[in-house]
Amino acid sequence: MRIMAQVCMVMNLDKCIGCHTCSVTCKQTWTNRPGTEYVYFNNVETKPGLGYPRRYEDQDLWKGGWKLDRRGRLTLRGGSRLRRLLTIFYNPDLPTIEDYHDPFTYDYARLITAPAGTAAPSVQAHSTLTGRAMVPRWGTNWEDDLAGAPERAGQDPNLVKLGEAVKLSFEQVFMFYLPRICEHCLNPSCVASCPSGAMYKREEDGIVLVDQNRCRGWRFCVSGCPYKKVYFNHRTGKAEKCTLCFPRIEAGLPTVCSETCVGRLRYLGLVLYDADAVLAAAATKDPQDLYEAQLSVFLDPEDPTVRAEALAAGIPHDWVEAARRSPAYALIARHRVALPLHPEYRTMPMVWYVPPLSPMADMVGGPGGGEDADAVFGAIDALRIPVEYLANLFTAGKVEPVRQALRRLALVRAFMRSRQLGLTPSADPRTVGMEAADVEDLFRLIAIARYEDRYVVPPAHAEDAGRLLAQHSLSGCSLESEGGPGMGGWGLPVATRGDDGRTHLRVLEGRR
């Protein structure tokens, strides 16, 4: 057994209101610069929908993640090392800019400087990549609140699998928001796909980063990531991705998207796992068993043997104690209400989700708004968001873990609402494998958790500062300043608008 620690995030989809504050703050912090106009390390999708980039979940199209060969061994879906070598100058499994979106802006100054006239001044969208006038036809939030759902939502890969089981008629329509960042996987296919070894997973906290000095822009990491959360900076010729705000994590602070989340739906904490068991779990034959296989990799921080082994492996004592208080571990392994996103990709993702419950609970009548647990349990299979659809998202199509998580969430809601109304709870926690203390603990965690309970992130140790600094200097984070490492060399032509109001294409030279 080789114990390692990983920073893990859990998002409660019941609380996401689709405000996109996380996307805006992440954009302003990390990708608000030339070359990353189309890049969103954090984006919020409306489900059902095609997502960002378009149909990123269709691995028959994009060849991302892992699969098992005839001998049951893990192999990249994108092909062998020889195939990648033969296609190193032409990678056919890449989304185009149309699949992401051609980023656009407006000449806002015209609204102010336009000469007086009888008609109100208007402006036309123009591409921030080429500067040419354009008509926007796709974007990261194009399907926000089911916009255009009748035309496009039926192409959602998770919905296609259900066939005629779901109809997108007005009376039966459903939706929920799905915030997404890099999964910082235990078995990342982007790292394995990189020919130059620029992608790496940090040993101390499991964060997956890109060494900008070693990156050669082959873009196999982009096609290798099944979540399409690795991007190509068309100006620097380097790959970039979500860093999980590692400078903040090292200081014991939550990520920017977590800090600014209006719905308080994100949880951050450490998870201890057995690194020697990861590959065997990822190679589980039946995709529907991958959820349980990944759970078996996680180690109980309350176990004295695990704590002793963790300390012997060099994990600091305060990190082990932080793992004991981790809200992520509690939601994932103790209460089992959080589920991984597409475990069938076999990357062992470390951003998990509490499935949405609100649309179903609103259907249930009765005094107190649905405190009758039996009525709630009976409605789970008839809710507008089909359990089968959630299973296609979170458990490779296996319905029972999703149904069990929803039953536990429903019981917590029914049990605590009855208690607050002074009624005798009709719900018995033992029907879903819980005790009354478990119900109260889960309620405090998902309903009224304080800041320090949602974010349990121990800071990096001072004695490790030299090693961490050396790693960061090697990674060459190009996201810090215009002249930072990785920003040297000649970029691609960038569209700029001159004083004469005309668009010019010029090449910007980075400082060396």
Protein backbone atom coordinates (compact mmCIF):
# COMPACT_ATOMS: atom_id res chain seq x y z
CA MET A 1 0.00 0.00 0.00
CA ARG A 2 1.38 3.39 -1.04
CA ILE A 3 -0.63 6.20 0.56
CA MET A 4 -0.86 9.57 -1.16
CA ALA A 5 -2.97 12.67 -0.61
CA GLN A 6 -5.11 14.37 -3.24
CA VAL A 7 -7.00 17.66 -3.16
CA CYS A 8 -10.57 16.84 -4.13
CA MET A 9 -13.62 18.96 -4.96
CA VAL A 10 -17.30 18.13 -4.58
CA MET A 11 -20.09 20.24 -6.11
CA ASN A 12 -23.69 20.11 -4.90
CA LEU A 13 -25.77 20.50 -8.07
CA ASP A 14 -28.87 21.12 -5.98
CA LYS A 15 -27.47 24.55 -5.16
CA CYS A 16 -26.14 25.73 -8.53
CA ILE A 17 -28.26 28.62 -9.83
CA GLY A 18 -26.37 29.05 -13.10
CA CYS A 19 -25.12 32.55 -12.33
CA HIS A 20 -21.70 31.85 -13.94
CA THR A 21 -19.89 33.86 -11.25
CA CYS A 22 -17.34 31.05 -11.01
CA SER A 23 -16.70 31.26 -14.75
CA VAL A 24 -16.27 35.03 -14.68
CA THR A 25 -13.88 35.10 -11.72
CA CYS A 26 -11.83 32.21 -13.12
CA LYS A 27 -11.69 33.95 -16.48
CA GLN A 28 -10.53 37.21 -14.92
CA THR A 29 -7.89 35.43 -12.83
CA TRP A 30 -6.40 32.94 -15.30
CA THR A 31 -7.41 33.43 -18.95
CA ASN A 32 -8.00 37.13 -19.43
CA ARG A 33 -5.22 37.65 -22.00
CA PRO A 34 -4.42 37.21 -25.71
CA GLY A 35 -4.39 33.62 -26.89
CA THR A 36 -7.02 32.43 -24.42
CA GLU A 37 -10.08 34.28 -25.66
CA TYR A 38 -12.04 31.06 -26.14
CA VAL A 39 -10.67 29.34 -23.02
CA TYR A 40 -12.76 28.74 -19.90
CA PHE A 41 -10.99 26.73 -17.22
CA ASN A 42 -14.37 26.80 -15.43
CA ASN A 43 -17.64 26.77 -17.32
CA VAL A 44 -21.25 26.08 -16.36
CA GLU A 45 -23.31 23.96 -18.73
CA THR A 46 -27.05 23.45 -18.94
CA LYS A 47 -28.00 19.79 -19.03
CA PRO A 48 -29.32 18.31 -21.20
CA GLY A 49 -27.15 20.03 -23.77
CA LEU A 50 -24.13 19.60 -26.00
CA GLY A 51 -21.68 21.17 -23.55
CA TYR A 52 -18.39 22.96 -24.17
CA PRO A 53 -16.84 22.14 -26.54
CA ARG A 54 -19.72 20.74 -28.54
CA ARG A 55 -20.40 17.04 -27.79
CA TYR A 56 -17.22 16.69 -25.72
CA GLU A 57 -18.74 13.59 -24.10
CA ASP A 58 -18.83 11.67 -27.39
CA GLN A 59 -15.60 9.69 -27.12
CA ASP A 60 -16.41 7.74 -30.27
CA LEU A 61 -15.80 11.09 -31.96
CA TRP A 62 -12.96 12.59 -29.92
CA LYS A 63 -11.13 9.44 -28.73
CA GLY A 64 -10.45 10.75 -25.21
CA GLY A 65 -9.76 8.80 -22.02
CA TRP A 66 -8.87 5.13 -21.66
CA LYS A 67 -10.26 1.81 -22.83
CA LEU A 68 -9.40 -1.83 -22.26
CA ASP A 69 -7.65 -3.85 -24.95
CA ARG A 70 -8.37 -7.48 -25.68
CA ARG A 71 -6.17 -8.57 -22.79
CA GLY A 72 -7.97 -6.29 -20.34
CA ARG A 73 -5.12 -3.80 -20.13
CA LEU A 74 -5.57 -0.04 -20.09
CA THR A 75 -4.77 1.70 -23.34
CA LEU A 76 -5.42 5.19 -24.55
CA ARG A 77 -8.53 5.48 -26.67
CA GLY A 78 -6.59 7.82 -28.96
CA GLY A 79 -4.34 4.99 -30.07
CA SER A 80 -0.91 3.57 -29.41
CA ARG A 81 2.31 5.51 -29.06
CA LEU A 82 3.18 4.60 -32.64
CA ARG A 83 -0.10 6.01 -33.95
CA ARG A 84 0.44 9.25 -32.06
CA LEU A 85 3.97 9.47 -33.44
CA LEU A 86 2.72 8.99 -36.99
CA THR A 87 0.09 11.70 -36.54
CA ILE A 88 2.25 14.09 -34.54
CA PHE A 89 2.02 16.76 -37.24
CA TYR A 90 -1.66 16.10 -37.90
CA ASN A 91 -3.92 15.21 -35.01
CA PRO A 92 -7.40 14.47 -36.39
CA ASP A 93 -9.11 14.12 -32.98
CA LEU A 94 -9.15 17.81 -32.05
CA PRO A 95 -12.18 20.08 -31.66
CA THR A 96 -12.13 23.07 -33.98
CA ILE A 97 -12.64 26.66 -32.90
CA GLU A 98 -16.26 26.31 -34.08
CA ASP A 99 -16.75 23.49 -31.55
CA TYR A 100 -15.57 25.79 -28.75
CA HIS A 101 -16.80 29.09 -30.20
CA ASP A 102 -15.27 31.90 -32.19
CA PRO A 103 -14.85 34.48 -29.41
CA PHE A 104 -16.37 37.80 -30.27
CA THR A 105 -16.72 41.30 -28.87
CA TYR A 106 -18.27 44.60 -29.88
CA ASP A 107 -16.95 48.03 -30.72
CA TYR A 108 -18.53 49.61 -27.68
CA ALA A 109 -16.82 52.95 -28.31
CA ARG A 110 -19.04 53.45 -31.35
CA LEU A 111 -22.08 53.72 -29.10
CA ILE A 112 -20.47 56.75 -27.49
CA THR A 113 -18.59 58.36 -30.38
CA ALA A 114 -21.16 57.86 -33.15
CA PRO A 115 -22.26 61.19 -34.68
CA ALA A 116 -25.72 62.50 -33.99
CA GLY A 117 -28.41 61.02 -36.19
CA THR A 118 -32.03 59.95 -36.37
CA ALA A 119 -31.30 56.26 -35.75
CA ALA A 120 -29.82 54.86 -32.56
CA PRO A 121 -26.23 53.68 -33.09
CA SER A 122 -25.64 49.94 -33.12
CA VAL A 123 -22.57 47.76 -33.23
CA GLN A 124 -21.82 44.47 -34.93
CA ALA A 125 -20.02 41.53 -33.39
CA HIS A 126 -16.48 40.95 -34.60
CA SER A 127 -14.12 38.08 -33.90
CA THR A 128 -11.38 38.67 -31.35
CA LEU A 129 -9.23 36.19 -33.28
CA THR A 130 -9.43 37.65 -36.79
CA GLY A 131 -11.12 41.00 -36.22
CA ARG A 132 -13.62 40.27 -38.98
CA ALA A 133 -17.34 40.96 -38.64
CA MET A 134 -19.28 37.86 -37.74
CA VAL A 135 -22.66 36.53 -36.67
CA PRO A 136 -22.28 34.51 -33.43
CA ARG A 137 -23.72 31.01 -33.82
CA TRP A 138 -22.24 29.14 -30.85
CA GLY A 139 -20.69 29.86 -27.47
CA THR A 140 -19.87 28.44 -24.06
CA ASN A 141 -23.27 29.33 -22.63
CA TRP A 142 -25.22 29.08 -25.86
CA GLU A 143 -27.68 26.59 -24.36
CA ASP A 144 -28.08 28.44 -21.07
CA ASP A 145 -31.49 27.69 -19.51
CA LEU A 146 -32.28 25.25 -22.34
CA ALA A 147 -32.01 27.89 -25.07
CA GLY A 148 -32.43 26.09 -28.37
CA ALA A 149 -33.07 22.79 -26.62
CA PRO A 150 -35.60 21.43 -29.15
CA GLU A 151 -32.99 21.71 -31.91
CA ARG A 152 -29.84 20.61 -30.08
CA ALA A 153 -30.49 18.98 -26.69
CA GLY A 154 -31.49 15.75 -28.40
CA GLN A 155 -27.87 15.40 -29.53
CA ASP A 156 -26.64 15.25 -25.92
CA PRO A 157 -24.70 11.92 -25.77
CA ASN A 158 -26.25 11.14 -22.38
CA LEU A 159 -29.74 11.69 -23.76
CA VAL A 160 -29.18 9.71 -26.95
CA LYS A 161 -28.62 6.59 -24.86
CA LEU A 162 -32.13 6.86 -23.42
CA GLY A 163 -33.83 6.78 -26.79
CA GLU A 164 -37.56 7.45 -26.50
CA ALA A 165 -37.56 7.31 -22.70
CA VAL A 166 -37.26 11.08 -22.51
CA LYS A 167 -39.31 13.58 -24.49
CA LEU A 168 -38.34 17.23 -24.63
CA SER A 169 -41.91 18.47 -24.77
CA PHE A 170 -42.84 21.54 -22.78
CA GLU A 171 -44.72 19.57 -20.14
CA GLN A 172 -41.86 17.16 -19.55
CA VAL A 173 -38.82 19.37 -20.02
CA PHE A 174 -36.11 19.31 -17.36
CA MET A 175 -32.78 21.00 -16.83
CA PHE A 176 -30.02 21.54 -14.30
CA TYR A 177 -26.65 23.26 -14.26
CA LEU A 178 -23.36 21.38 -14.40
CA PRO A 179 -20.26 23.42 -13.45
CA ARG A 180 -17.06 21.86 -14.80
CA ILE A 181 -13.35 22.29 -14.19
CA CYS A 182 -10.39 19.98 -14.79
CA GLU A 183 -10.96 16.72 -12.94
CA HIS A 184 -7.30 16.40 -11.76
CA CYS A 185 -7.70 12.67 -12.23
CA LEU A 186 -5.87 9.90 -10.40
CA ASN A 187 -5.20 8.24 -13.77
CA PRO A 188 -5.02 11.23 -16.13
CA SER A 189 -5.08 10.34 -19.81
CA CYS A 190 -3.83 13.83 -20.73
CA VAL A 191 -0.55 13.12 -18.91
CA ALA A 192 -0.17 9.78 -20.65
CA SER A 193 -0.95 11.34 -24.06
CA CYS A 194 1.71 14.06 -23.88
CA PRO A 195 4.70 13.15 -26.12
CA SER A 196 7.04 15.70 -24.51
CA GLY A 197 6.26 14.88 -20.88
CA ALA A 198 5.10 18.43 -20.19
CA MET A 199 1.93 17.31 -18.44
CA TYR A 200 2.52 16.04 -14.93
CA LYS A 201 0.67 15.25 -11.72
CA ARG A 202 2.11 16.79 -8.57
CA GLU A 203 3.14 14.24 -6.00
CA GLU A 204 2.25 16.26 -2.93
CA ASP A 205 -1.37 17.15 -3.71
CA GLY A 206 -2.30 15.47 -7.00
CA ILE A 207 -2.86 18.67 -8.98
CA VAL A 208 -2.27 18.17 -12.73
CA LEU A 209 -0.21 20.95 -14.34
CA VAL A 210 1.60 21.79 -17.59
CA ASP A 211 5.34 22.47 -17.73
CA GLN A 212 5.33 25.40 -20.14
CA ASN A 213 9.05 25.10 -20.88
CA ARG A 214 8.70 21.47 -22.00
CA CYS A 215 5.42 21.84 -23.88
CA ARG A 216 5.89 21.64 -27.66
CA GLY A 217 2.30 22.27 -28.63
CA TRP A 218 1.56 18.82 -30.06
CA ARG A 219 -1.95 19.04 -28.56
CA PHE A 220 -2.31 15.32 -27.88
CA CYS A 221 -3.21 16.30 -24.32
CA VAL A 222 -6.23 18.16 -25.71
CA SER A 223 -7.50 15.11 -27.59
CA GLY A 224 -6.48 12.74 -24.78
CA CYS A 225 -8.56 14.53 -22.14
CA PRO A 226 -12.12 13.15 -22.34
CA TYR A 227 -13.47 16.19 -20.49
CA LYS A 228 -11.75 18.56 -22.95
CA LYS A 229 -10.36 20.68 -20.15
CA VAL A 230 -6.91 21.14 -21.70
CA TYR A 231 -6.67 24.06 -24.10
CA PHE A 232 -4.22 25.29 -26.71
CA ASN A 233 -2.99 28.88 -26.47
CA HIS A 234 -2.86 29.89 -30.12
CA ARG A 235 -0.48 32.72 -29.34
CA THR A 236 2.20 30.98 -27.31
CA GLY A 237 1.77 27.55 -28.90
CA LYS A 238 1.49 25.97 -25.44
CA ALA A 239 -1.12 23.89 -23.67
CA GLU A 240 -2.92 25.36 -20.66
CA LYS A 241 -5.46 24.03 -18.19
CA CYS A 242 -7.09 24.57 -14.82
CA THR A 243 -4.41 24.72 -12.14
CA LEU A 244 -6.85 24.26 -9.24
CA CYS A 245 -5.50 27.67 -8.16
CA PHE A 246 -2.44 25.93 -6.70
CA PRO A 247 -0.91 29.17 -5.32
CA ARG A 248 -4.03 29.59 -3.20
CA ILE A 249 -4.15 25.90 -2.27
CA GLU A 250 -0.56 26.10 -1.05
CA ALA A 251 -1.54 29.03 1.16
CA GLY A 252 -4.46 27.08 2.62
CA LEU A 253 -7.08 29.03 0.63
CA PRO A 254 -9.86 27.66 -1.57
CA THR A 255 -9.86 28.04 -5.33
CA VAL A 256 -11.21 31.26 -6.84
CA CYS A 257 -14.27 29.49 -8.24
CA SER A 258 -15.02 28.10 -4.76
CA GLU A 259 -14.39 31.38 -2.97
CA THR A 260 -16.75 33.35 -5.21
CA CYS A 261 -19.49 30.73 -5.64
CA VAL A 262 -22.80 32.42 -4.92
CA GLY A 263 -24.63 29.18 -4.19
CA ARG A 264 -21.91 27.87 -1.84
CA LEU A 265 -22.08 24.56 -3.63
CA ARG A 266 -18.36 23.69 -3.70
CA TYR A 267 -16.42 21.73 -1.13
CA LEU A 268 -12.66 21.24 -0.98
CA GLY A 269 -10.76 18.72 1.07
CA LEU A 270 -8.04 16.08 1.09
CA VAL A 271 -8.61 12.45 0.23
CA LEU A 272 -6.11 9.74 1.12
CA TYR A 273 -5.83 6.93 -1.42
CA ASP A 274 -3.76 3.87 -2.22
CA ALA A 275 -1.68 4.78 -5.27
CA ASP A 276 -0.80 1.14 -5.90
CA ALA A 277 -4.48 0.27 -6.39
CA VAL A 278 -5.31 2.98 -8.95
CA LEU A 279 -4.40 1.13 -12.15
CA ALA A 280 -6.17 -2.05 -11.10
CA ALA A 281 -9.31 -0.07 -10.24
CA ALA A 282 -9.18 1.84 -13.53
CA ALA A 283 -8.90 -1.47 -15.40
CA THR A 284 -12.12 -2.85 -13.89
CA LYS A 285 -13.78 -4.80 -16.68
CA ASP A 286 -17.40 -3.67 -16.32
CA PRO A 287 -17.69 0.14 -16.69
CA GLN A 288 -20.66 0.13 -14.30
CA ASP A 289 -18.37 -1.18 -11.56
CA LEU A 290 -15.87 1.68 -11.90
CA TYR A 291 -17.65 3.87 -9.36
CA GLU A 292 -17.32 1.24 -6.64
CA ALA A 293 -13.78 0.46 -7.80
CA GLN A 294 -12.71 4.07 -7.31
CA LEU A 295 -14.35 4.15 -3.90
CA SER A 296 -12.25 1.14 -2.93
CA VAL A 297 -9.09 3.11 -3.69
CA PHE A 298 -9.91 5.76 -1.07
CA LEU A 299 -8.65 5.13 2.44
CA ASP A 300 -10.48 5.88 5.68
CA PRO A 301 -8.53 8.60 7.54
CA GLU A 302 -10.19 7.49 10.80
CA ASP A 303 -8.41 4.15 10.57
CA PRO A 304 -5.35 4.23 12.90
CA THR A 305 -3.43 1.97 10.52
CA VAL A 306 -4.05 4.31 7.60
CA ARG A 307 -2.96 7.32 9.64
CA ALA A 308 0.22 5.57 10.74
CA GLU A 309 1.02 4.53 7.16
CA ALA A 310 0.32 8.05 5.90
CA LEU A 311 2.73 9.57 8.42
CA ALA A 312 5.33 6.96 7.51
CA ALA A 313 4.87 7.88 3.82
CA GLY A 314 5.84 11.48 4.59
CA ILE A 315 2.38 13.04 4.65
CA PRO A 316 2.45 15.79 7.32
CA HIS A 317 0.46 15.30 10.48
CA ASP A 318 -1.78 18.31 9.89
CA TRP A 319 -2.59 17.00 6.41
CA VAL A 320 -3.69 13.69 7.89
CA GLU A 321 -5.86 15.56 10.38
CA ALA A 322 -7.27 17.67 7.54
CA ALA A 323 -8.15 14.45 5.71
CA ARG A 324 -10.15 13.39 8.79
CA ARG A 325 -12.17 16.63 8.58
CA SER A 326 -12.43 16.60 4.79
CA PRO A 327 -15.95 17.45 3.55
CA ALA A 328 -15.09 15.89 0.19
CA TYR A 329 -14.34 12.51 1.76
CA ALA A 330 -17.47 12.74 3.93
CA LEU A 331 -19.74 13.35 0.95
CA ILE A 332 -18.00 10.80 -1.28
CA ALA A 333 -17.22 7.85 0.98
CA ARG A 334 -18.94 8.33 4.33
CA HIS A 335 -22.39 9.45 3.18
CA ARG A 336 -22.05 8.31 -0.46
CA VAL A 337 -24.13 11.10 -1.95
CA ALA A 338 -21.40 12.43 -4.29
CA LEU A 339 -20.69 10.71 -7.59
CA PRO A 340 -17.89 10.97 -10.22
CA LEU A 341 -18.45 12.50 -13.65
CA HIS A 342 -18.24 9.83 -16.36
CA PRO A 343 -16.21 7.16 -14.56
CA GLU A 344 -16.37 5.09 -17.76
CA TYR A 345 -13.53 7.24 -19.11
CA ARG A 346 -11.32 5.34 -16.61
CA THR A 347 -9.37 8.45 -15.62
CA MET A 348 -10.53 8.23 -11.97
CA PRO A 349 -11.80 11.82 -11.73
CA MET A 350 -11.42 13.77 -8.48
CA VAL A 351 -14.17 16.34 -8.96
CA TRP A 352 -17.41 14.71 -7.78
CA TYR A 353 -21.03 15.82 -7.83
CA VAL A 354 -24.05 15.59 -5.55
CA PRO A 355 -26.92 14.91 -8.00
CA PRO A 356 -29.81 17.42 -8.15
CA LEU A 357 -32.92 16.70 -6.12
CA SER A 358 -34.98 19.90 -6.11
CA PRO A 359 -37.18 19.31 -9.20
CA MET A 360 -38.36 16.01 -7.75
CA ALA A 361 -39.04 17.37 -4.26
CA ASP A 362 -41.17 20.17 -5.68
CA MET A 363 -43.48 17.58 -7.26
CA VAL A 364 -44.31 16.01 -3.91
CA GLY A 365 -47.23 17.50 -2.03
CA GLY A 366 -48.26 17.12 1.55
CA PRO A 367 -47.95 19.17 4.73
CA GLY A 368 -44.62 20.86 5.13
CA GLY A 369 -43.87 20.60 1.41
CA GLY A 370 -42.98 16.94 1.19
CA GLU A 371 -41.80 15.61 4.53
CA ASP A 372 -43.42 12.25 3.80
CA ALA A 373 -40.39 10.15 2.98
CA ASP A 374 -42.43 7.40 1.35
CA ALA A 375 -43.95 9.88 -1.07
CA VAL A 376 -40.54 11.31 -1.83
CA PHE A 377 -38.99 7.90 -2.40
CA GLY A 378 -41.85 6.96 -4.68
CA ALA A 379 -41.35 10.11 -6.73
CA ILE A 380 -37.66 9.54 -7.37
CA ASP A 381 -38.32 7.24 -10.29
CA ALA A 382 -40.92 9.64 -11.70
CA LEU A 383 -39.04 12.91 -11.38
CA ARG A 384 -38.52 15.18 -14.36
CA ILE A 385 -34.77 14.60 -14.35
CA PRO A 386 -34.70 10.88 -15.17
CA VAL A 387 -32.56 8.77 -12.89
CA GLU A 388 -31.28 7.03 -16.02
CA TYR A 389 -29.98 10.34 -17.37
CA LEU A 390 -28.13 11.07 -14.13
CA ALA A 391 -26.74 7.53 -14.20
CA ASN A 392 -25.36 8.11 -17.70
CA LEU A 393 -23.56 11.15 -16.32
CA PHE A 394 -22.25 9.84 -13.03
CA THR A 395 -22.18 6.04 -12.83
CA ALA A 396 -21.72 4.78 -16.42
CA GLY A 397 -25.44 3.99 -16.61
CA LYS A 398 -25.79 2.11 -13.32
CA VAL A 399 -28.99 3.40 -11.75
CA GLU A 400 -28.85 2.05 -8.20
CA PRO A 401 -26.03 4.27 -6.80
CA VAL A 402 -27.81 7.37 -8.13
CA ARG A 403 -31.15 6.24 -6.73
CA GLN A 404 -29.53 5.53 -3.36
CA ALA A 405 -27.88 8.96 -3.26
CA LEU A 406 -31.18 10.65 -4.11
CA ARG A 407 -33.00 8.62 -1.46
CA ARG A 408 -30.50 9.73 1.17
CA LEU A 409 -30.80 13.36 0.13
CA ALA A 410 -34.58 13.09 0.16
CA LEU A 411 -34.56 11.48 3.59
CA VAL A 412 -32.36 14.23 5.02
CA ARG A 413 -34.73 16.85 3.66
CA ALA A 414 -37.84 15.05 4.93
CA PHE A 415 -36.36 14.14 8.32
CA MET A 416 -35.03 17.60 9.17
CA ARG A 417 -38.09 19.44 7.85
CA SER A 418 -40.37 17.33 10.03
CA ARG A 419 -38.20 17.98 13.04
CA GLN A 420 -38.14 21.72 12.44
CA LEU A 421 -41.94 21.77 12.11
CA GLY A 422 -42.31 19.94 15.42
CA LEU A 423 -43.62 16.80 13.75
CA THR A 424 -42.59 13.23 14.37
CA PRO A 425 -40.34 12.25 11.44
CA SER A 426 -41.98 9.53 9.40
CA ALA A 427 -38.71 8.76 7.65
CA ASP A 428 -36.56 6.03 9.13
CA PRO A 429 -32.86 6.66 8.34
CA ARG A 430 -32.15 2.95 8.54
CA THR A 431 -34.10 2.41 5.29
CA VAL A 432 -31.20 4.04 3.45
CA GLY A 433 -28.43 2.69 5.66
CA MET A 434 -28.07 5.77 7.88
CA GLU A 435 -28.45 6.62 11.53
CA ALA A 436 -30.03 9.77 12.97
CA ALA A 437 -26.55 11.16 13.70
CA ASP A 438 -25.58 10.59 10.07
CA VAL A 439 -28.65 12.50 8.91
CA GLU A 440 -27.80 15.49 11.10
CA ASP A 441 -24.16 15.43 10.02
CA LEU A 442 -25.09 15.34 6.33
CA PHE A 443 -27.65 18.10 6.86
CA ARG A 444 -25.07 20.38 8.47
CA LEU A 445 -22.68 19.66 5.62
CA ILE A 446 -24.95 20.24 2.63
CA ALA A 447 -27.39 22.78 4.06
CA ILE A 448 -25.74 25.07 6.60
CA ALA A 449 -22.01 24.32 6.39
CA ARG A 450 -19.74 27.15 7.49
CA TYR A 451 -16.80 28.41 5.46
CA GLU A 452 -14.25 26.46 7.47
CA ASP A 453 -16.32 23.29 7.11
CA ARG A 454 -16.67 23.58 3.33
CA TYR A 455 -12.99 24.30 2.69
CA VAL A 456 -10.53 22.17 4.63
CA VAL A 457 -7.29 22.90 2.77
CA PRO A 458 -4.07 22.59 4.79
CA PRO A 459 -1.28 24.94 3.64
CA ALA A 460 1.95 23.68 2.16
CA HIS A 461 4.76 23.22 4.66
CA ALA A 462 7.61 25.69 4.89
CA GLU A 463 10.14 22.88 4.77
CA ASP A 464 8.77 21.97 1.35
CA ALA A 465 8.99 25.53 0.02
CA GLY A 466 12.30 24.96 -1.77
CA ARG A 467 11.06 21.86 -3.52
CA LEU A 468 7.78 23.48 -4.47
CA LEU A 469 9.53 26.58 -5.78
CA ALA A 470 11.81 24.45 -7.91
CA GLN A 471 8.83 22.61 -9.37
CA HIS A 472 7.00 25.84 -10.10
CA SER A 473 10.01 27.37 -11.82
CA LEU A 474 10.27 24.28 -13.98
CA SER A 475 6.58 24.40 -14.79
CA GLY A 476 7.08 27.93 -16.08
CA CYS A 477 3.61 29.27 -15.37
CA SER A 478 2.87 31.57 -18.28
CA LEU A 479 -0.26 32.87 -16.62
CA GLU A 480 1.41 35.39 -14.34
CA SER A 481 2.51 38.25 -16.57
CA GLU A 482 3.16 39.26 -20.16
CA GLY A 483 6.85 38.44 -19.89
CA GLY A 484 6.55 35.35 -17.74
CA PRO A 485 8.12 32.00 -18.60
CA GLY A 486 6.52 30.43 -21.63
CA MET A 487 5.45 33.78 -23.04
CA GLY A 488 8.57 34.24 -25.14
CA GLY A 489 8.87 33.67 -28.86
CA TRP A 490 6.67 34.77 -31.72
CA GLY A 491 2.98 34.35 -31.41
CA LEU A 492 0.33 34.01 -34.06
CA PRO A 493 -1.20 37.13 -35.62
CA VAL A 494 -3.46 38.96 -33.19
CA ALA A 495 -6.33 41.20 -34.28
CA THR A 496 -6.09 44.76 -32.98
CA ARG A 497 -8.13 47.86 -33.68
CA GLY A 498 -6.23 50.99 -34.67
CA ASP A 499 -6.91 54.65 -34.06
CA ASP A 500 -8.54 54.85 -37.48
CA GLY A 501 -11.15 52.32 -36.40
CA ARG A 502 -9.87 49.67 -38.82
CA THR A 503 -8.81 46.17 -37.84
CA HIS A 504 -5.13 45.25 -38.20
CA LEU A 505 -3.39 41.90 -37.80
CA ARG A 506 -0.01 42.08 -36.14
CA VAL A 507 2.36 39.62 -34.50
CA LEU A 508 3.12 40.30 -30.86
CA GLU A 509 6.62 39.40 -29.68
CA GLY A 510 6.98 38.09 -26.15
CA ARG A 511 9.86 39.26 -24.00
CA ARG A 512 12.69 36.81 -23.57
